[in-house]
PDB file of all heavy atoms in Angstrom:
ATOM      1  N   ALA A   1       0.823  -1.220   0.007  1.00  0.00           N
ATOM      2  CA  ALA A   1       0.011  -0.025   0.011  1.00  0.00           C
ATOM      3  C   ALA A   1       0.866   1.248   0.006  1.00  0.00           C
ATOM      4  O   ALA A   1       0.550   2.241  -0.694  1.00  0.00           O
ATOM      5  CB  ALA A   1      -0.937  -0.016   1.209  1.00  0.00           C
ATOM      6  N   ALA A   2       1.949   1.248   0.758  1.00  0.00           N
ATOM      7  CA  ALA A   2       2.824   2.404   0.787  1.00  0.00           C
ATOM      8  C   ALA A   2       3.462   2.666  -0.572  1.00  0.00           C
ATOM      9  O   ALA A   2       3.538   3.808  -1.030  1.00  0.00           O
ATOM     10  CB  ALA A   2       3.904   2.234   1.836  1.00  0.00           C
ATOM     11  N   MET A   3       3.894   1.598  -1.240  1.00  0.00           N
ATOM     12  CA  MET A   3       4.474   1.768  -2.559  1.00  0.00           C
ATOM     13  C   MET A   3       3.429   2.223  -3.587  1.00  0.00           C
ATOM     14  O   MET A   3       3.698   3.045  -4.447  1.00  0.00           O
ATOM     15  CB  MET A   3       5.149   0.467  -3.021  1.00  0.00           C
ATOM     16  CG  MET A   3       6.405   0.144  -2.244  1.00  0.00           C
ATOM     17  SD  MET A   3       7.381  -1.200  -2.945  1.00  0.00           S
ATOM     18  CE  MET A   3       6.255  -2.581  -2.805  1.00  0.00           C
ATOM     19  N   GLY A   4       2.229   1.666  -3.451  1.00  0.00           N
ATOM     20  CA  GLY A   4       1.179   2.098  -4.351  1.00  0.00           C
ATOM     21  C   GLY A   4       0.800   3.548  -4.172  1.00  0.00           C
ATOM     22  O   GLY A   4       0.457   4.238  -5.138  1.00  0.00           O
ATOM     23  N   HIS A   5       0.913   4.029  -2.926  1.00  0.00           N
ATOM     24  CA  HIS A   5       0.502   5.400  -2.643  1.00  0.00           C
ATOM     25  C   HIS A   5       1.647   6.419  -3.027  1.00  0.00           C
ATOM     26  O   HIS A   5       1.339   7.469  -3.572  1.00  0.00           O
ATOM     27  CB  HIS A   5       0.213   5.570  -1.155  1.00  0.00           C
ATOM     28  CG  HIS A   5      -0.293   6.917  -0.737  1.00  0.00           C
ATOM     29  ND1 HIS A   5      -1.632   7.282  -0.869  1.00  0.00           N
ATOM     30  CD2 HIS A   5       0.375   8.008  -0.293  1.00  0.00           C
ATOM     31  CE1 HIS A   5      -1.770   8.530  -0.440  1.00  0.00           C
ATOM     32  NE2 HIS A   5      -0.587   9.004  -0.099  1.00  0.00           N
ATOM     33  N   LEU A   6       2.865   6.047  -2.756  1.00  0.00           N
ATOM     34  CA  LEU A   6       3.988   6.950  -2.956  1.00  0.00           C
ATOM     35  C   LEU A   6       4.748   6.764  -4.220  1.00  0.00           C
ATOM     36  O   LEU A   6       5.525   7.621  -4.636  1.00  0.00           O
ATOM     37  CB  LEU A   6       4.946   6.866  -1.772  1.00  0.00           C
ATOM     38  CG  LEU A   6       4.363   7.288  -0.398  1.00  0.00           C
ATOM     39  CD1 LEU A   6       5.336   6.980   0.707  1.00  0.00           C
ATOM     40  CD2 LEU A   6       3.985   8.768  -0.402  1.00  0.00           C
ATOM     41  N   GLY A   7       4.548   5.614  -4.883  1.00  0.00           N
ATOM     42  CA  GLY A   7       5.202   5.361  -6.150  1.00  0.00           C
ATOM     43  C   GLY A   7       6.385   4.421  -6.046  1.00  0.00           C
ATOM     44  O   GLY A   7       6.964   4.189  -4.977  1.00  0.00           O
ATOM     45  N   GLU A   8       6.767   3.863  -7.164  1.00  0.00           N
ATOM     46  CA  GLU A   8       7.882   2.907  -7.261  1.00  0.00           C
ATOM     47  C   GLU A   8       9.159   3.556  -6.787  1.00  0.00           C
ATOM     48  O   GLU A   8       9.454   4.708  -7.100  1.00  0.00           O
ATOM     49  CB  GLU A   8       8.049   2.424  -8.679  1.00  0.00           C
ATOM     50  CG  GLU A   8       9.015   1.276  -8.871  1.00  0.00           C
ATOM     51  CD  GLU A   8       9.022   0.768 -10.313  1.00  0.00           C
ATOM     52  OE1 GLU A   8       8.236   1.297 -11.123  1.00  0.00           O
ATOM     53  OE2 GLU A   8       9.818  -0.147 -10.596  1.00  0.00           O
ATOM     54  N   GLY A   9       9.921   2.810  -5.997  1.00  0.00           N
ATOM     55  CA  GLY A   9      11.181   3.359  -5.487  1.00  0.00           C
ATOM     56  C   GLY A   9      11.028   4.212  -4.248  1.00  0.00           C
ATOM     57  O   GLY A   9      12.022   4.823  -3.770  1.00  0.00           O
ATOM     58  N   ALA A  10       9.829   4.261  -3.690  1.00  0.00           N
ATOM     59  CA  ALA A  10       9.601   5.148  -2.524  1.00  0.00           C
ATOM     60  C   ALA A  10      10.312   4.601  -1.288  1.00  0.00           C
ATOM     61  O   ALA A  10      10.622   5.367  -0.371  1.00  0.00           O
ATOM     62  CB  ALA A  10       8.107   5.267  -2.246  1.00  0.00           C
ATOM     63  N   LEU A  11      10.560   3.310  -1.224  1.00  0.00           N
ATOM     64  CA  LEU A  11      11.208   2.745  -0.026  1.00  0.00           C
ATOM     65  C   LEU A  11      12.196   1.646  -0.432  1.00  0.00           C
ATOM     66  O   LEU A  11      11.962   0.898  -1.387  1.00  0.00           O
ATOM     67  CB  LEU A  11      10.182   2.204   0.968  1.00  0.00           C
ATOM     68  CG  LEU A  11       9.327   1.029   0.587  1.00  0.00           C
ATOM     69  CD1 LEU A  11       9.819  -0.248   1.217  1.00  0.00           C
ATOM     70  CD2 LEU A  11       7.879   1.274   0.958  1.00  0.00           C
ATOM     71  N   ASN A  12      13.261   1.575   0.316  1.00  0.00           N
ATOM     72  CA  ASN A  12      14.248   0.498   0.119  1.00  0.00           C
ATOM     73  C   ASN A  12      14.694  -0.136   1.428  1.00  0.00           C
ATOM     74  O   ASN A  12      15.536  -0.981   1.460  1.00  0.00           O
ATOM     75  CB  ASN A  12      15.480   1.017  -0.670  1.00  0.00           C
ATOM     76  CG  ASN A  12      16.068   2.272  -0.065  1.00  0.00           C
ATOM     77  OD1 ASN A  12      15.838   2.575   1.087  1.00  0.00           O
ATOM     78  ND2 ASN A  12      16.848   2.973  -0.867  1.00  0.00           N
ATOM     79  N   HIS A  13      14.118   0.375   2.519  1.00  0.00           N
ATOM     80  CA  HIS A  13      14.372  -0.211   3.844  1.00  0.00           C
ATOM     81  C   HIS A  13      13.039  -0.392   4.544  1.00  0.00           C
ATOM     82  O   HIS A  13      12.068   0.299   4.232  1.00  0.00           O
ATOM     83  CB  HIS A  13      15.238   0.713   4.678  1.00  0.00           C
ATOM     84  CG  HIS A  13      16.680   0.782   4.247  1.00  0.00           C
ATOM     85  ND1 HIS A  13      17.059   1.369   3.080  1.00  0.00           N
ATOM     86  CD2 HIS A  13      17.809   0.362   4.861  1.00  0.00           C
ATOM     87  CE1 HIS A  13      18.384   1.285   2.945  1.00  0.00           C
ATOM     88  NE2 HIS A  13      18.861   0.699   4.018  1.00  0.00           N
ATOM     89  N   MET A  14      12.987  -1.280   5.519  1.00  0.00           N
ATOM     90  CA  MET A  14      11.817  -1.399   6.349  1.00  0.00           C
ATOM     91  C   MET A  14      12.223  -1.776   7.768  1.00  0.00           C
ATOM     92  O   MET A  14      13.272  -2.416   7.983  1.00  0.00           O
ATOM     93  CB  MET A  14      10.830  -2.408   5.794  1.00  0.00           C
ATOM     94  CG  MET A  14      11.269  -3.838   5.827  1.00  0.00           C
ATOM     95  SD  MET A  14      10.040  -4.944   5.117  1.00  0.00           S
ATOM     96  CE  MET A  14      10.135  -4.507   3.381  1.00  0.00           C
ATOM     97  N   VAL A  15      11.434  -1.302   8.727  1.00  0.00           N
ATOM     98  CA  VAL A  15      11.667  -1.650  10.130  1.00  0.00           C
ATOM     99  C   VAL A  15      10.387  -2.134  10.724  1.00  0.00           C
ATOM    100  O   VAL A  15       9.344  -1.516  10.563  1.00  0.00           O
ATOM    101  CB  VAL A  15      12.213  -0.387  10.885  1.00  0.00           C
ATOM    102  CG1 VAL A  15      13.614  -0.019  10.399  1.00  0.00           C
ATOM    103  CG2 VAL A  15      11.316   0.800  10.784  1.00  0.00           C
ATOM    104  N   LEU A  16      10.445  -3.268  11.409  1.00  0.00           N
ATOM    105  CA  LEU A  16       9.320  -3.819  12.113  1.00  0.00           C
ATOM    106  C   LEU A  16       9.339  -3.258  13.525  1.00  0.00           C
ATOM    107  O   LEU A  16       9.760  -3.891  14.478  1.00  0.00           O
ATOM    108  CB  LEU A  16       9.351  -5.342  12.095  1.00  0.00           C
ATOM    109  CG  LEU A  16       8.881  -6.041  10.819  1.00  0.00           C
ATOM    110  CD1 LEU A  16       9.910  -5.799   9.688  1.00  0.00           C
ATOM    111  CD2 LEU A  16       8.761  -7.542  11.020  1.00  0.00           C
ATOM    112  N   MET A  17       8.889  -1.996  13.628  1.00  0.00           N
ATOM    113  CA  MET A  17       8.975  -1.262  14.887  1.00  0.00           C
ATOM    114  C   MET A  17       7.682  -0.487  15.145  1.00  0.00           C
ATOM    115  O   MET A  17       7.642   0.390  16.020  1.00  0.00           O
ATOM    116  CB  MET A  17      10.132  -0.244  14.844  1.00  0.00           C
ATOM    117  CG  MET A  17      11.497  -0.896  14.752  1.00  0.00           C
ATOM    118  SD  MET A  17      12.798   0.374  14.794  1.00  0.00           S
ATOM    119  CE  MET A  17      14.244  -0.643  14.508  1.00  0.00           C
ATOM    120  N   GLY A  18       6.619  -0.764  14.380  1.00  0.00           N
ATOM    121  CA  GLY A  18       5.356  -0.081  14.608  1.00  0.00           C
ATOM    122  C   GLY A  18       4.583  -0.740  15.708  1.00  0.00           C
ATOM    123  O   GLY A  18       5.148  -1.346  16.645  1.00  0.00           O
ATOM    124  N   CYS A  19       3.266  -0.677  15.657  1.00  0.00           N
ATOM    125  CA  CYS A  19       2.437  -1.258  16.717  1.00  0.00           C
ATOM    126  C   CYS A  19       2.664  -2.778  16.804  1.00  0.00           C
ATOM    127  O   CYS A  19       2.668  -3.486  15.788  1.00  0.00           O
ATOM    128  CB  CYS A  19       0.954  -1.005  16.447  1.00  0.00           C
ATOM    129  SG  CYS A  19       0.494   0.738  16.607  1.00  0.00           S
ATOM    130  N   GLY A  20       2.768  -3.255  18.006  1.00  0.00           N
ATOM    131  CA  GLY A  20       2.875  -4.724  18.230  1.00  0.00           C
ATOM    132  C   GLY A  20       4.307  -5.160  18.482  1.00  0.00           C
ATOM    133  O   GLY A  20       5.268  -4.473  18.196  1.00  0.00           O
ATOM    134  N   GLU A  21       4.383  -6.363  19.024  1.00  0.00           N
ATOM    135  CA  GLU A  21       5.665  -7.051  19.266  1.00  0.00           C
ATOM    136  C   GLU A  21       5.842  -8.117  18.183  1.00  0.00           C
ATOM    137  O   GLU A  21       5.085  -9.091  18.119  1.00  0.00           O
ATOM    138  CB  GLU A  21       5.649  -7.685  20.672  1.00  0.00           C
ATOM    139  CG  GLU A  21       6.651  -8.813  20.895  1.00  0.00           C
ATOM    140  CD  GLU A  21       8.113  -8.403  20.672  1.00  0.00           C
ATOM    141  OE1 GLU A  21       8.538  -7.380  21.256  1.00  0.00           O
ATOM    142  OE2 GLU A  21       8.811  -9.113  19.919  1.00  0.00           O
ATOM    143  N   PRO A  22       6.800  -7.949  17.268  1.00  0.00           N
ATOM    144  CA  PRO A  22       6.948  -8.893  16.146  1.00  0.00           C
ATOM    145  C   PRO A  22       7.047 -10.352  16.593  1.00  0.00           C
ATOM    146  O   PRO A  22       6.464 -11.231  15.968  1.00  0.00           O
ATOM    147  CB  PRO A  22       8.212  -8.409  15.469  1.00  0.00           C
ATOM    148  CG  PRO A  22       8.282  -6.945  15.744  1.00  0.00           C
ATOM    149  CD  PRO A  22       7.754  -6.821  17.145  1.00  0.00           C
ATOM    150  N   PHE A  23       7.786 -10.606  17.647  1.00  0.00           N
ATOM    151  CA  PHE A  23       7.978 -12.026  18.051  1.00  0.00           C
ATOM    152  C   PHE A  23       6.753 -12.582  18.782  1.00  0.00           C
ATOM    153  O   PHE A  23       6.700 -13.795  19.059  1.00  0.00           O
ATOM    154  CB  PHE A  23       9.216 -12.153  18.928  1.00  0.00           C
ATOM    155  CG  PHE A  23      10.510 -12.137  18.129  1.00  0.00           C
ATOM    156  CD1 PHE A  23      11.714 -11.889  18.766  1.00  0.00           C
ATOM    157  CD2 PHE A  23      10.514 -12.381  16.755  1.00  0.00           C
ATOM    158  CE1 PHE A  23      12.904 -11.865  18.051  1.00  0.00           C
ATOM    159  CE2 PHE A  23      11.698 -12.371  16.043  1.00  0.00           C
ATOM    160  CZ  PHE A  23      12.921 -12.138  16.673  1.00  0.00           C
ATOM    161  N   ASP A  24       5.763 -11.736  19.099  1.00  0.00           N
ATOM    162  CA  ASP A  24       4.494 -12.233  19.636  1.00  0.00           C
ATOM    163  C   ASP A  24       3.573 -12.678  18.473  1.00  0.00           C
ATOM    164  O   ASP A  24       2.539 -13.279  18.709  1.00  0.00           O
ATOM    165  CB  ASP A  24       3.818 -11.140  20.450  1.00  0.00           C
ATOM    166  CG  ASP A  24       2.699 -11.667  21.336  1.00  0.00           C
ATOM    167  OD1 ASP A  24       2.833 -12.813  21.831  1.00  0.00           O
ATOM    168  OD2 ASP A  24       1.719 -10.949  21.544  1.00  0.00           O
ATOM    169  N   ASN A  25       3.984 -12.385  17.262  1.00  0.00           N
ATOM    170  CA  ASN A  25       3.313 -12.819  16.034  1.00  0.00           C
ATOM    171  C   ASN A  25       4.350 -13.559  15.185  1.00  0.00           C
ATOM    172  O   ASN A  25       4.499 -13.308  14.003  1.00  0.00           O
ATOM    173  CB  ASN A  25       2.746 -11.595  15.285  1.00  0.00           C
ATOM    174  CG  ASN A  25       1.897 -11.977  14.090  1.00  0.00           C
ATOM    175  OD1 ASN A  25       1.461 -13.144  13.913  1.00  0.00           O
ATOM    176  ND2 ASN A  25       1.645 -11.025  13.189  1.00  0.00           N
ATOM    177  N   TYR A  26       5.015 -14.459  15.844  1.00  0.00           N
ATOM    178  CA  TYR A  26       6.274 -15.034  15.326  1.00  0.00           C
ATOM    179  C   TYR A  26       6.149 -15.681  13.953  1.00  0.00           C
ATOM    180  O   TYR A  26       6.852 -15.313  13.008  1.00  0.00           O
ATOM    181  CB  TYR A  26       6.822 -16.081  16.301  1.00  0.00           C
ATOM    182  CG  TYR A  26       8.157 -16.645  15.904  1.00  0.00           C
ATOM    183  CD1 TYR A  26       9.344 -15.968  16.162  1.00  0.00           C
ATOM    184  CD2 TYR A  26       8.235 -17.894  15.264  1.00  0.00           C
ATOM    185  CE1 TYR A  26      10.572 -16.502  15.811  1.00  0.00           C
ATOM    186  CE2 TYR A  26       9.443 -18.405  14.882  1.00  0.00           C
ATOM    187  CZ  TYR A  26      10.620 -17.717  15.152  1.00  0.00           C
ATOM    188  OH  TYR A  26      11.833 -18.247  14.781  1.00  0.00           O
ATOM    189  N   HIS A  27       5.231 -16.595  13.777  1.00  0.00           N
ATOM    190  CA  HIS A  27       5.196 -17.379  12.516  1.00  0.00           C
ATOM    191  C   HIS A  27       4.779 -16.537  11.333  1.00  0.00           C
ATOM    192  O   HIS A  27       5.355 -16.686  10.241  1.00  0.00           O
ATOM    193  CB  HIS A  27       4.263 -18.605  12.715  1.00  0.00           C
ATOM    194  CG  HIS A  27       4.740 -19.568  13.728  1.00  0.00           C
ATOM    195  ND1 HIS A  27       5.893 -20.326  13.543  1.00  0.00           N
ATOM    196  CD2 HIS A  27       4.278 -19.869  14.962  1.00  0.00           C
ATOM    197  CE1 HIS A  27       6.094 -21.084  14.621  1.00  0.00           C
ATOM    198  NE2 HIS A  27       5.121 -20.837  15.492  1.00  0.00           N
ATOM    199  N   ASN A  28       3.861 -15.626  11.505  1.00  0.00           N
ATOM    200  CA  ASN A  28       3.464 -14.722  10.397  1.00  0.00           C
ATOM    201  C   ASN A  28       4.613 -13.792  10.060  1.00  0.00           C
ATOM    202  O   ASN A  28       4.828 -13.507   8.893  1.00  0.00           O
ATOM    203  CB  ASN A  28       2.215 -13.953  10.781  1.00  0.00           C
ATOM    204  CG  ASN A  28       0.966 -14.770  10.741  1.00  0.00           C
ATOM    205  OD1 ASN A  28       0.920 -15.826  10.106  1.00  0.00           O
ATOM    206  ND2 ASN A  28      -0.059 -14.335  11.419  1.00  0.00           N
ATOM    207  N   VAL A  29       5.331 -13.305  11.063  1.00  0.00           N
ATOM    208  CA  VAL A  29       6.456 -12.406  10.793  1.00  0.00           C
ATOM    209  C   VAL A  29       7.569 -13.101  10.071  1.00  0.00           C
ATOM    210  O   VAL A  29       8.196 -12.583   9.110  1.00  0.00           O
ATOM    211  CB  VAL A  29       6.953 -11.756  12.135  1.00  0.00           C
ATOM    212  CG1 VAL A  29       8.325 -11.116  11.947  1.00  0.00           C
ATOM    213  CG2 VAL A  29       5.955 -10.714  12.602  1.00  0.00           C
TER     214      VAL A  29
END
């Protein structure tokens, strides 16, 4: 969705630091 909104090349890094604890959703992450 972010790429669709901002356009191709808008991001080249990502951080799993938003809402939630990533390892509490381990298998999906």
